[in-house]
Amino acid sequence: MYQVNVKAENLIVSDLTFIKAFLRITNSVEDSLIQMFATTAVKHIETYCNTFITVKTVEITADSNTVEL
């Protein structure tokens, strides 16, 4: 068995500037809300698809020294 722990993530896919340009939003009043929606959407997609779609730093620990691929 092994365990994957996500140490850090970078939401490159959900770049706030790109999202705001697509939505034609020019002010910064709702930036934190838009970023929260984007982060939540990415996490739901990753959970549903059981894969990472953003850049992450992970730590993998195994029960033994033997790794089979």
PDB file of N, CA and C in Angstrom:
ATOM      1  N   MET A   1       0.837  -1.192   0.000  1.00  0.00           N
ATOM      2  CA  MET A   1       0.000   0.000   0.000  1.00  0.00           C
ATOM      3  C   MET A   1       0.870   1.239   0.000  1.00  0.00           C
ATOM      4  N   TYR A   2       0.308   2.303  -0.469  1.00  0.00           N
ATOM      5  CA  TYR A   2       0.999   3.578  -0.454  1.00  0.00           C
ATOM      6  C   TYR A   2       0.008   4.683  -0.156  1.00  0.00           C
ATOM      7  N   GLN A   3       0.547   5.829   0.251  1.00  0.00           N
ATOM      8  CA  GLN A   3      -0.279   6.978   0.567  1.00  0.00           C
ATOM      9  C   GLN A   3       0.304   8.200  -0.129  1.00  0.00           C
ATOM     10  N   VAL A   4      -0.564   9.023  -0.717  1.00  0.00           N
ATOM     11  CA  VAL A   4      -0.135  10.251  -1.399  1.00  0.00           C
ATOM     12  C   VAL A   4      -0.624  11.440  -0.590  1.00  0.00           C
ATOM     13  N   ASN A   5       0.302  12.287  -0.172  1.00  0.00           N
ATOM     14  CA  ASN A   5      -0.038  13.515   0.554  1.00  0.00           C
ATOM     15  C   ASN A   5       0.335  14.716  -0.302  1.00  0.00           C
ATOM     16  N   VAL A   6      -0.623  15.592  -0.545  1.00  0.00           N
ATOM     17  CA  VAL A   6      -0.364  16.807  -1.319  1.00  0.00           C
ATOM     18  C   VAL A   6       0.250  17.836  -0.383  1.00  0.00           C
ATOM     19  N   LYS A   7       1.470  18.277  -0.718  1.00  0.00           N
ATOM     20  CA  LYS A   7       2.185  19.243   0.115  1.00  0.00           C
ATOM     21  C   LYS A   7       1.895  20.679  -0.315  1.00  0.00           C
ATOM     22  N   ALA A   8       1.754  20.909  -1.616  1.00  0.00           N
ATOM     23  CA  ALA A   8       1.493  22.259  -2.129  1.00  0.00           C
ATOM     24  C   ALA A   8       0.838  22.136  -3.489  1.00  0.00           C
ATOM     25  N   GLU A   9       0.061  23.127  -3.848  1.00  0.00           N
ATOM     26  CA  GLU A   9      -0.564  23.118  -5.164  1.00  0.00           C
ATOM     27  C   GLU A   9      -0.553  24.514  -5.757  1.00  0.00           C
ATOM     28  N   ASN A  10      -0.526  24.545  -7.071  1.00  0.00           N
ATOM     29  CA  ASN A  10      -0.505  25.809  -7.798  1.00  0.00           C
ATOM     30  C   ASN A  10      -1.610  25.761  -8.835  1.00  0.00           C
ATOM     31  N   LEU A  11      -2.622  26.593  -8.672  1.00  0.00           N
ATOM     32  CA  LEU A  11      -3.778  26.555  -9.559  1.00  0.00           C
ATOM     33  C   LEU A  11      -3.528  27.339 -10.835  1.00  0.00           C
ATOM     34  N   ILE A  12      -2.598  26.856 -11.637  1.00  0.00           N
ATOM     35  CA  ILE A  12      -2.265  27.496 -12.909  1.00  0.00           C
ATOM     36  C   ILE A  12      -3.472  27.487 -13.840  1.00  0.00           C
ATOM     37  N   VAL A  13      -4.223  26.388 -13.815  1.00  0.00           N
ATOM     38  CA  VAL A  13      -5.376  26.242 -14.706  1.00  0.00           C
ATOM     39  C   VAL A  13      -6.408  27.325 -14.445  1.00  0.00           C
ATOM     40  N   SER A  14      -6.589  27.687 -13.204  1.00  0.00           N
ATOM     41  CA  SER A  14      -7.624  28.663 -12.865  1.00  0.00           C
ATOM     42  C   SER A  14      -7.024  30.040 -12.594  1.00  0.00           C
ATOM     43  N   ASP A  15      -6.236  30.528 -13.516  1.00  0.00           N
ATOM     44  CA  ASP A  15      -5.611  31.840 -13.392  1.00  0.00           C
ATOM     45  C   ASP A  15      -6.687  32.915 -13.311  1.00  0.00           C
ATOM     46  N   LEU A  16      -6.654  33.707 -12.269  1.00  0.00           N
ATOM     47  CA  LEU A  16      -7.682  34.716 -12.027  1.00  0.00           C
ATOM     48  C   LEU A  16      -7.779  35.738 -13.161  1.00  0.00           C
ATOM     49  N   THR A  17      -6.659  36.147 -13.710  1.00  0.00           N
ATOM     50  CA  THR A  17      -6.670  37.119 -14.813  1.00  0.00           C
ATOM     51  C   THR A  17      -7.404  36.567 -16.025  1.00  0.00           C
ATOM     52  N   PHE A  18      -7.147  35.305 -16.355  1.00  0.00           N
ATOM     53  CA  PHE A  18      -7.820  34.664 -17.483  1.00  0.00           C
ATOM     54  C   PHE A  18      -9.322  34.575 -17.240  1.00  0.00           C
ATOM     55  N   ILE A  19      -9.701  34.148 -16.047  1.00  0.00           N
ATOM     56  CA  ILE A  19     -11.129  34.003 -15.715  1.00  0.00           C
ATOM     57  C   ILE A  19     -11.839  35.353 -15.800  1.00  0.00           C
ATOM     58  N   LYS A  20     -11.218  36.386 -15.231  1.00  0.00           N
ATOM     59  CA  LYS A  20     -11.841  37.710 -15.266  1.00  0.00           C
ATOM     60  C   LYS A  20     -11.962  38.240 -16.694  1.00  0.00           C
ATOM     61  N   ALA A  21     -10.966  37.990 -17.525  1.00  0.00           N
ATOM     62  CA  ALA A  21     -11.043  38.423 -18.927  1.00  0.00           C
ATOM     63  C   ALA A  21     -12.162  37.691 -19.646  1.00  0.00           C
ATOM     64  N   PHE A  22     -12.287  36.392 -19.405  1.00  0.00           N
ATOM     65  CA  PHE A  22     -13.340  35.604 -20.035  1.00  0.00           C
ATOM     66  C   PHE A  22     -14.723  36.100 -19.615  1.00  0.00           C
ATOM     67  N   LEU A  23     -14.870  36.455 -18.346  1.00  0.00           N
ATOM     68  CA  LEU A  23     -16.156  36.932 -17.823  1.00  0.00           C
ATOM     69  C   LEU A  23     -16.370  38.429 -18.048  1.00  0.00           C
ATOM     70  N   ARG A  24     -15.370  39.101 -18.634  1.00  0.00           N
ATOM     71  CA  ARG A  24     -15.412  40.543 -18.903  1.00  0.00           C
ATOM     72  C   ARG A  24     -15.604  41.359 -17.613  1.00  0.00           C
ATOM     73  N   ILE A  25     -14.866  40.961 -16.576  1.00  0.00           N
ATOM     74  CA  ILE A  25     -14.886  41.670 -15.295  1.00  0.00           C
ATOM     75  C   ILE A  25     -13.625  42.524 -15.215  1.00  0.00           C
ATOM     76  N   THR A  26     -13.802  43.821 -14.987  1.00  0.00           N
ATOM     77  CA  THR A  26     -12.653  44.731 -14.977  1.00  0.00           C
ATOM     78  C   THR A  26     -12.276  45.208 -13.572  1.00  0.00           C
ATOM     79  N   ASN A  27     -13.157  45.061 -12.603  1.00  0.00           N
ATOM     80  CA  ASN A  27     -12.823  45.510 -11.245  1.00  0.00           C
ATOM     81  C   ASN A  27     -12.312  44.334 -10.401  1.00  0.00           C
ATOM     82  N   SER A  28     -11.890  44.644  -9.199  1.00  0.00           N
ATOM     83  CA  SER A  28     -11.349  43.600  -8.327  1.00  0.00           C
ATOM     84  C   SER A  28     -12.209  43.371  -7.086  1.00  0.00           C
ATOM     85  N   VAL A  29     -13.454  43.793  -7.159  1.00  0.00           N
ATOM     86  CA  VAL A  29     -14.353  43.702  -6.007  1.00  0.00           C
ATOM     87  C   VAL A  29     -14.583  42.250  -5.589  1.00  0.00           C
ATOM     88  N   GLU A  30     -14.765  41.370  -6.534  1.00  0.00           N
ATOM     89  CA  GLU A  30     -15.106  39.975  -6.237  1.00  0.00           C
ATOM     90  C   GLU A  30     -13.964  39.000  -6.512  1.00  0.00           C
ATOM     91  N   ASP A  31     -12.724  39.468  -6.517  1.00  0.00           N
ATOM     92  CA  ASP A  31     -11.589  38.597  -6.828  1.00  0.00           C
ATOM     93  C   ASP A  31     -11.504  37.371  -5.920  1.00  0.00           C
ATOM     94  N   SER A  32     -11.667  37.568  -4.631  1.00  0.00           N
ATOM     95  CA  SER A  32     -11.548  36.428  -3.703  1.00  0.00           C
ATOM     96  C   SER A  32     -12.672  35.418  -3.926  1.00  0.00           C
ATOM     97  N   LEU A  33     -13.869  35.894  -4.238  1.00  0.00           N
ATOM     98  CA  LEU A  33     -14.989  34.995  -4.498  1.00  0.00           C
ATOM     99  C   LEU A  33     -14.771  34.199  -5.784  1.00  0.00           C
ATOM    100  N   ILE A  34     -14.304  34.873  -6.832  1.00  0.00           N
ATOM    101  CA  ILE A  34     -14.024  34.192  -8.102  1.00  0.00           C
ATOM    102  C   ILE A  34     -12.931  33.149  -7.916  1.00  0.00           C
ATOM    103  N   GLN A  35     -11.875  33.484  -7.190  1.00  0.00           N
ATOM    104  CA  GLN A  35     -10.789  32.532  -6.942  1.00  0.00           C
ATOM    105  C   GLN A  35     -11.285  31.337  -6.130  1.00  0.00           C
ATOM    106  N   MET A  36     -12.162  31.591  -5.151  1.00  0.00           N
ATOM    107  CA  MET A  36     -12.728  30.502  -4.355  1.00  0.00           C
ATOM    108  C   MET A  36     -13.548  29.562  -5.246  1.00  0.00           C
ATOM    109  N   PHE A  37     -14.365  30.119  -6.131  1.00  0.00           N
ATOM    110  CA  PHE A  37     -15.148  29.290  -7.050  1.00  0.00           C
ATOM    111  C   PHE A  37     -14.241  28.453  -7.943  1.00  0.00           C
ATOM    112  N   ALA A  38     -13.172  29.064  -8.466  1.00  0.00           N
ATOM    113  CA  ALA A  38     -12.249  28.349  -9.344  1.00  0.00           C
ATOM    114  C   ALA A  38     -11.543  27.227  -8.593  1.00  0.00           C
ATOM    115  N   THR A  39     -11.078  27.501  -7.392  1.00  0.00           N
ATOM    116  CA  THR A  39     -10.397  26.493  -6.577  1.00  0.00           C
ATOM    117  C   THR A  39     -11.325  25.330  -6.258  1.00  0.00           C
ATOM    118  N   THR A  40     -12.555  25.645  -5.892  1.00  0.00           N
ATOM    119  CA  THR A  40     -13.541  24.608  -5.584  1.00  0.00           C
ATOM    120  C   THR A  40     -13.856  23.773  -6.814  1.00  0.00           C
ATOM    121  N   ALA A  41     -14.010  24.404  -7.961  1.00  0.00           N
ATOM    122  CA  ALA A  41     -14.299  23.677  -9.203  1.00  0.00           C
ATOM    123  C   ALA A  41     -13.170  22.713  -9.551  1.00  0.00           C
ATOM    124  N   VAL A  42     -11.921  23.184  -9.440  1.00  0.00           N
ATOM    125  CA  VAL A  42     -10.765  22.326  -9.742  1.00  0.00           C
ATOM    126  C   VAL A  42     -10.733  21.129  -8.798  1.00  0.00           C
ATOM    127  N   LYS A  43     -10.959  21.360  -7.520  1.00  0.00           N
ATOM    128  CA  LYS A  43     -10.935  20.256  -6.544  1.00  0.00           C
ATOM    129  C   LYS A  43     -12.045  19.238  -6.824  1.00  0.00           C
ATOM    130  N   HIS A  44     -13.229  19.711  -7.204  1.00  0.00           N
ATOM    131  CA  HIS A  44     -14.323  18.792  -7.543  1.00  0.00           C
ATOM    132  C   HIS A  44     -13.976  17.961  -8.779  1.00  0.00           C
ATOM    133  N   ILE A  45     -13.402  18.590  -9.784  1.00  0.00           N
ATOM    134  CA  ILE A  45     -13.005  17.868 -11.003  1.00  0.00           C
ATOM    135  C   ILE A  45     -11.954  16.822 -10.682  1.00  0.00           C
ATOM    136  N   GLU A  46     -10.955  17.195  -9.872  1.00  0.00           N
ATOM    137  CA  GLU A  46      -9.901  16.250  -9.509  1.00  0.00           C
ATOM    138  C   GLU A  46     -10.454  15.073  -8.712  1.00  0.00           C
ATOM    139  N   THR A  47     -11.390  15.341  -7.819  1.00  0.00           N
ATOM    140  CA  THR A  47     -11.996  14.262  -7.030  1.00  0.00           C
ATOM    141  C   THR A  47     -12.836  13.350  -7.918  1.00  0.00           C
ATOM    142  N   TYR A  48     -13.654  13.930  -8.765  1.00  0.00           N
ATOM    143  CA  TYR A  48     -14.531  13.145  -9.629  1.00  0.00           C
ATOM    144  C   TYR A  48     -13.733  12.284 -10.614  1.00  0.00           C
ATOM    145  N   CYS A  49     -12.692  12.863 -11.200  1.00  0.00           N
ATOM    146  CA  CYS A  49     -11.889  12.166 -12.207  1.00  0.00           C
ATOM    147  C   CYS A  49     -10.761  11.334 -11.590  1.00  0.00           C
ATOM    148  N   ASN A  50     -10.544  11.479 -10.287  1.00  0.00           N
ATOM    149  CA  ASN A  50      -9.495  10.755  -9.577  1.00  0.00           C
ATOM    150  C   ASN A  50      -8.123  10.988 -10.217  1.00  0.00           C
ATOM    151  N   THR A  51      -7.834  12.241 -10.523  1.00  0.00           N
ATOM    152  CA  THR A  51      -6.545  12.616 -11.111  1.00  0.00           C
ATOM    153  C   THR A  51      -6.253  14.074 -10.775  1.00  0.00           C
ATOM    154  N   PHE A  52      -4.995  14.470 -10.911  1.00  0.00           N
ATOM    155  CA  PHE A  52      -4.622  15.867 -10.703  1.00  0.00           C
ATOM    156  C   PHE A  52      -4.643  16.594 -12.043  1.00  0.00           C
ATOM    157  N   ILE A  53      -5.218  17.806 -12.073  1.00  0.00           N
ATOM    158  CA  ILE A  53      -5.200  18.609 -13.289  1.00  0.00           C
ATOM    159  C   ILE A  53      -4.418  19.896 -13.074  1.00  0.00           C
ATOM    160  N   THR A  54      -3.862  20.060 -11.879  1.00  0.00           N
ATOM    161  CA  THR A  54      -3.039  21.224 -11.568  1.00  0.00           C
ATOM    162  C   THR A  54      -1.672  20.761 -11.085  1.00  0.00           C
ATOM    163  N   VAL A  55      -0.730  21.684 -11.045  1.00  0.00           N
ATOM    164  CA  VAL A  55       0.622  21.374 -10.591  1.00  0.00           C
ATOM    165  C   VAL A  55       0.594  21.212  -9.077  1.00  0.00           C
ATOM    166  N   LYS A  56       1.142  20.090  -8.594  1.00  0.00           N
ATOM    167  CA  LYS A  56       1.162  19.820  -7.164  1.00  0.00           C
ATOM    168  C   LYS A  56       2.523  19.282  -6.754  1.00  0.00           C
ATOM    169  N   THR A  57       2.889  19.517  -5.523  1.00  0.00           N
ATOM    170  CA  THR A  57       4.059  18.886  -4.921  1.00  0.00           C
ATOM    171  C   THR A  57       3.515  17.809  -3.992  1.00  0.00           C
ATOM    172  N   VAL A  58       3.899  16.556  -4.226  1.00  0.00           N
ATOM    173  CA  VAL A  58       3.348  15.453  -3.440  1.00  0.00           C
ATOM    174  C   VAL A  58       4.458  14.663  -2.754  1.00  0.00           C
ATOM    175  N   GLU A  59       4.068  13.977  -1.693  1.00  0.00           N
ATOM    176  CA  GLU A  59       4.948  13.065  -0.986  1.00  0.00           C
ATOM    177  C   GLU A  59       4.269  11.710  -0.989  1.00  0.00           C
ATOM    178  N   ILE A  60       4.974  10.699  -1.484  1.00  0.00           N
ATOM    179  CA  ILE A  60       4.415   9.347  -1.552  1.00  0.00           C
ATOM    180  C   ILE A  60       5.179   8.475  -0.565  1.00  0.00           C
ATOM    181  N   THR A  61       4.450   7.829   0.325  1.00  0.00           N
ATOM    182  CA  THR A  61       5.071   6.911   1.283  1.00  0.00           C
ATOM    183  C   THR A  61       4.524   5.518   1.039  1.00  0.00           C
ATOM    184  N   ALA A  62       5.420   4.530   1.136  1.00  0.00           N
ATOM    185  CA  ALA A  62       5.034   3.129   0.895  1.00  0.00           C
ATOM    186  C   ALA A  62       5.293   2.303   2.128  1.00  0.00           C
ATOM    187  N   ASP A  63       4.603   1.149   2.227  1.00  0.00           N
ATOM    188  CA  ASP A  63       4.778   0.243   3.352  1.00  0.00           C
ATOM    189  C   ASP A  63       6.112  -0.474   3.318  1.00  0.00           C
ATOM    190  N   SER A  64       6.679  -0.686   2.131  1.00  0.00           N
ATOM    191  CA  SER A  64       7.937  -1.419   2.019  1.00  0.00           C
ATOM    192  C   SER A  64       8.865  -0.689   1.037  1.00  0.00           C
ATOM    193  N   ASN A  65      10.062  -1.190   0.896  1.00  0.00           N
ATOM    194  CA  ASN A  65      11.042  -0.602  -0.020  1.00  0.00           C
ATOM    195  C   ASN A  65      10.858  -1.068  -1.446  1.00  0.00           C
ATOM    196  N   THR A  66       9.991  -2.044  -1.691  1.00  0.00           N
ATOM    197  CA  THR A  66       9.781  -2.597  -3.012  1.00  0.00           C
ATOM    198  C   THR A  66       8.694  -1.816  -3.733  1.00  0.00           C
ATOM    199  N   VAL A  67       9.009  -1.391  -4.939  1.00  0.00           N
ATOM    200  CA  VAL A  67       8.032  -0.662  -5.747  1.00  0.00           C
ATOM    201  C   VAL A  67       7.803  -1.433  -7.035  1.00  0.00           C
ATOM    202  N   GLU A  68       6.555  -1.751  -7.328  1.00  0.00           N
ATOM    203  CA  GLU A  68       6.206  -2.445  -8.571  1.00  0.00           C
ATOM    204  C   GLU A  68       5.442  -1.475  -9.453  1.00  0.00           C
ATOM    205  N   LEU A  69       5.845  -1.435 -10.710  1.00  0.00           N
ATOM    206  CA  LEU A  69       5.146  -0.546 -11.655  1.00  0.00           C
ATOM    207  C   LEU A  69       4.401  -1.361 -12.675  1.00  0.00           C
TER     208      LEU A  69
END
